[in-house]
Each structure stands twice: as C-alpha cells, then as structure tokens.
Amino acid sequence: MIGARRLWTTACLTFVLSVVSVGCATRQVVQEDSANHRREVEASAYTLEGCQEKMDEMAGGQVQMTGHEQAVLVSVLNLGITPPYQCQGIIADTKQ
C-alpha cells in the first residue's frame, strides 16, 4: 500500500512539474519599449522558421530575430509538448 501511495505521489508531482515547465517554456509576449521606439517580441516554436513566423504574426510585421535558445532536453522530457526553440526579436514601433 505504501508503494502505491508513493507511486501516485510521484506521478502527480511529475505531472504538476510538467505543466509548470510547459507554461514557462511557451512564453509568447509582445512588449513595448517606448524609450527605444520599438517592440520586443518573444515566441516559442518547434523550428526556427516557425519561431520567426509566430513573431511576425504576433507583432503584425517583419520582426528582426535577435537571438534564440534551443531547449531540446526540456522538450524531450515533456514528451514533445514544449516547443524546443525560444526566440527573441525586435520590430520598429510605427506608432510614434
């Protein structure tokens, strides 16, 4: 009985940690940087091309990618639910 309880607790903890890591890894944001007259964009996707497309769609224009991170291990541990690429970019703010 104790073995079953421990297994259930471990399974629940693993599920909760997976959900939290998916939420953290799939951050998608467009943030105004009014001091520099631009918008900063962050997106997650399964490919670099997909990341670029998602950033362009979110910002409503052509975003210049300034960096990316590849989190393959997190993606594998979450059974491919979490996109492995996290990209950052900027776009000039046309509303000045």
C-alpha atoms as a PDB file:
ATOM      1  CA  MET A   1       0.000   0.000   0.000  1.00  0.00           C
ATOM      2  CA  ILE A   2       2.822   2.413   0.791  1.00  0.00           C
ATOM      3  CA  GLY A   3       4.417   1.649  -2.586  1.00  0.00           C
ATOM      4  CA  ALA A   4       1.195   2.544  -4.420  1.00  0.00           C
ATOM      5  CA  ARG A   5       0.850   5.796  -2.474  1.00  0.00           C
ATOM      6  CA  ARG A   6       4.441   6.756  -3.258  1.00  0.00           C
ATOM      7  CA  LEU A   7       3.928   5.932  -6.945  1.00  0.00           C
ATOM      8  CA  TRP A   8       0.743   8.046  -7.029  1.00  0.00           C
ATOM      9  CA  THR A   9       2.511  10.970  -5.311  1.00  0.00           C
ATOM     10  CA  THR A  10       5.444  10.782  -7.731  1.00  0.00           C
ATOM     11  CA  ALA A  11       3.115  10.667 -10.743  1.00  0.00           C
ATOM     12  CA  CYS A  12       1.150  13.706  -9.516  1.00  0.00           C
ATOM     13  CA  LEU A  13       4.323  15.662  -8.780  1.00  0.00           C
ATOM     14  CA  THR A  14       5.733  14.826 -12.222  1.00  0.00           C
ATOM     15  CA  PHE A  15       2.513  15.978 -13.878  1.00  0.00           C
ATOM     16  CA  VAL A  16       2.452  19.273 -11.981  1.00  0.00           C
ATOM     17  CA  LEU A  17       6.111  19.982 -12.787  1.00  0.00           C
ATOM     18  CA  SER A  18       5.494  19.200 -16.459  1.00  0.00           C
ATOM     19  CA  VAL A  19       2.571  21.616 -16.611  1.00  0.00           C
ATOM     20  CA  VAL A  20       4.614  24.347 -14.921  1.00  0.00           C
ATOM     21  CA  SER A  21       7.581  23.861 -17.251  1.00  0.00           C
ATOM     22  CA  VAL A  22       5.301  23.919 -20.321  1.00  0.00           C
ATOM     23  CA  GLY A  23       3.800  27.200 -19.135  1.00  0.00           C
ATOM     24  CA  CYS A  24       7.215  28.730 -18.567  1.00  0.00           C
ATOM     25  CA  ALA A  25       8.738  27.471 -21.798  1.00  0.00           C
ATOM     26  CA  THR A  26       5.945  28.567 -24.116  1.00  0.00           C
ATOM     27  CA  ARG A  27       6.040  32.243 -23.231  1.00  0.00           C
ATOM     28  CA  GLN A  28       4.781  34.454 -26.054  1.00  0.00           C
ATOM     29  CA  VAL A  29       4.957  38.193 -25.495  1.00  0.00           C
ATOM     30  CA  VAL A  30       4.998  41.491 -27.376  1.00  0.00           C
ATOM     31  CA  GLN A  31       6.345  44.222 -25.099  1.00  0.00           C
ATOM     32  CA  GLU A  32       6.525  47.952 -25.829  1.00  0.00           C
ATOM     33  CA  ASP A  33       9.947  49.611 -25.462  1.00  0.00           C
ATOM     34  CA  SER A  34       8.891  53.235 -25.870  1.00  0.00           C
ATOM     35  CA  ALA A  35      12.311  54.622 -24.872  1.00  0.00           C
ATOM     36  CA  ASN A  36      13.877  52.992 -27.944  1.00  0.00           C
ATOM     37  CA  HIS A  37      10.764  53.293 -30.187  1.00  0.00           C
ATOM     38  CA  ARG A  38      10.463  49.558 -30.749  1.00  0.00           C
ATOM     39  CA  ARG A  39       8.639  46.451 -29.601  1.00  0.00           C
ATOM     40  CA  GLU A  40      10.361  43.384 -28.184  1.00  0.00           C
ATOM     41  CA  VAL A  41       8.880  40.033 -29.171  1.00  0.00           C
ATOM     42  CA  GLU A  42       9.316  36.568 -27.629  1.00  0.00           C
ATOM     43  CA  ALA A  43       7.860  33.347 -29.025  1.00  0.00           C
ATOM     44  CA  SER A  44       8.275  29.563 -28.870  1.00  0.00           C
ATOM     45  CA  ALA A  45       8.004  27.055 -31.718  1.00  0.00           C
ATOM     46  CA  TYR A  46       9.226  23.675 -32.930  1.00  0.00           C
ATOM     47  CA  THR A  47      11.526  25.182 -35.636  1.00  0.00           C
ATOM     48  CA  LEU A  48      13.415  28.450 -36.102  1.00  0.00           C
ATOM     49  CA  GLU A  49      11.273  29.217 -39.153  1.00  0.00           C
ATOM     50  CA  GLY A  50       8.140  28.617 -37.101  1.00  0.00           C
ATOM     51  CA  CYS A  51       9.502  30.915 -34.411  1.00  0.00           C
ATOM     52  CA  GLN A  52      10.070  33.673 -36.966  1.00  0.00           C
ATOM     53  CA  GLU A  53       6.566  33.240 -38.419  1.00  0.00           C
ATOM     54  CA  LYS A  54       4.982  33.345 -34.970  1.00  0.00           C
ATOM     55  CA  MET A  55       6.881  36.515 -34.007  1.00  0.00           C
ATOM     56  CA  ASP A  56       5.900  38.207 -37.302  1.00  0.00           C
ATOM     57  CA  GLU A  57       2.258  37.268 -36.747  1.00  0.00           C
ATOM     58  CA  MET A  58       2.226  38.471 -33.135  1.00  0.00           C
ATOM     59  CA  ALA A  59       3.885  41.818 -33.950  1.00  0.00           C
ATOM     60  CA  GLY A  60       1.997  42.409 -37.193  1.00  0.00           C
ATOM     61  CA  GLY A  61       5.140  42.978 -39.256  1.00  0.00           C
ATOM     62  CA  GLN A  62       8.642  41.776 -40.067  1.00  0.00           C
ATOM     63  CA  VAL A  63      10.483  41.082 -36.791  1.00  0.00           C
ATOM     64  CA  GLN A  64      14.287  41.034 -36.711  1.00  0.00           C
ATOM     65  CA  MET A  65      15.350  37.960 -34.713  1.00  0.00           C
ATOM     66  CA  THR A  66      17.985  38.971 -32.161  1.00  0.00           C
ATOM     67  CA  GLY A  67      18.506  35.594 -30.516  1.00  0.00           C
ATOM     68  CA  HIS A  68      17.181  32.147 -29.807  1.00  0.00           C
ATOM     69  CA  GLU A  69      17.640  29.295 -27.365  1.00  0.00           C
ATOM     70  CA  GLN A  70      17.209  25.624 -28.023  1.00  0.00           C
ATOM     71  CA  ALA A  71      15.785  23.659 -25.089  1.00  0.00           C
ATOM     72  CA  VAL A  72      15.729  20.144 -26.556  1.00  0.00           C
ATOM     73  CA  LEU A  73      16.067  18.385 -23.211  1.00  0.00           C
ATOM     74  CA  VAL A  74      13.024  20.177 -21.758  1.00  0.00           C
ATOM     75  CA  SER A  75      11.053  19.340 -24.895  1.00  0.00           C
ATOM     76  CA  VAL A  76      12.040  15.660 -24.737  1.00  0.00           C
ATOM     77  CA  LEU A  77      11.260  15.397 -21.015  1.00  0.00           C
ATOM     78  CA  ASN A  78       7.805  16.875 -21.705  1.00  0.00           C
ATOM     79  CA  LEU A  79       7.185  14.328 -24.484  1.00  0.00           C
ATOM     80  CA  GLY A  80       7.422  16.966 -27.218  1.00  0.00           C
ATOM     81  CA  ILE A  81       4.649  19.142 -25.779  1.00  0.00           C
ATOM     82  CA  THR A  82       7.036  22.021 -25.108  1.00  0.00           C
ATOM     83  CA  PRO A  83       8.472  23.642 -28.257  1.00  0.00           C
ATOM     84  CA  PRO A  84      12.288  23.391 -28.214  1.00  0.00           C
ATOM     85  CA  TYR A  85      13.004  26.851 -29.692  1.00  0.00           C
ATOM     86  CA  GLN A  86      12.541  30.102 -27.778  1.00  0.00           C
ATOM     87  CA  CYS A  87      13.195  33.183 -29.914  1.00  0.00           C
ATOM     88  CA  GLN A  88      13.592  36.894 -29.217  1.00  0.00           C
ATOM     89  CA  GLY A  89      13.326  39.730 -31.698  1.00  0.00           C
ATOM     90  CA  ILE A  90      12.622  43.427 -32.192  1.00  0.00           C
ATOM     91  CA  ILE A  91      10.482  45.463 -34.552  1.00  0.00           C
ATOM     92  CA  ALA A  92      10.488  49.236 -35.013  1.00  0.00           C
ATOM     93  CA  ASP A  93       7.437  50.861 -33.450  1.00  0.00           C
ATOM     94  CA  THR A  94       5.479  52.627 -36.193  1.00  0.00           C
ATOM     95  CA  LYS A  95       3.207  54.374 -33.670  1.00  0.00           C
ATOM     96  CA  GLN A  96       5.418  57.305 -32.665  1.00  0.00           C
END
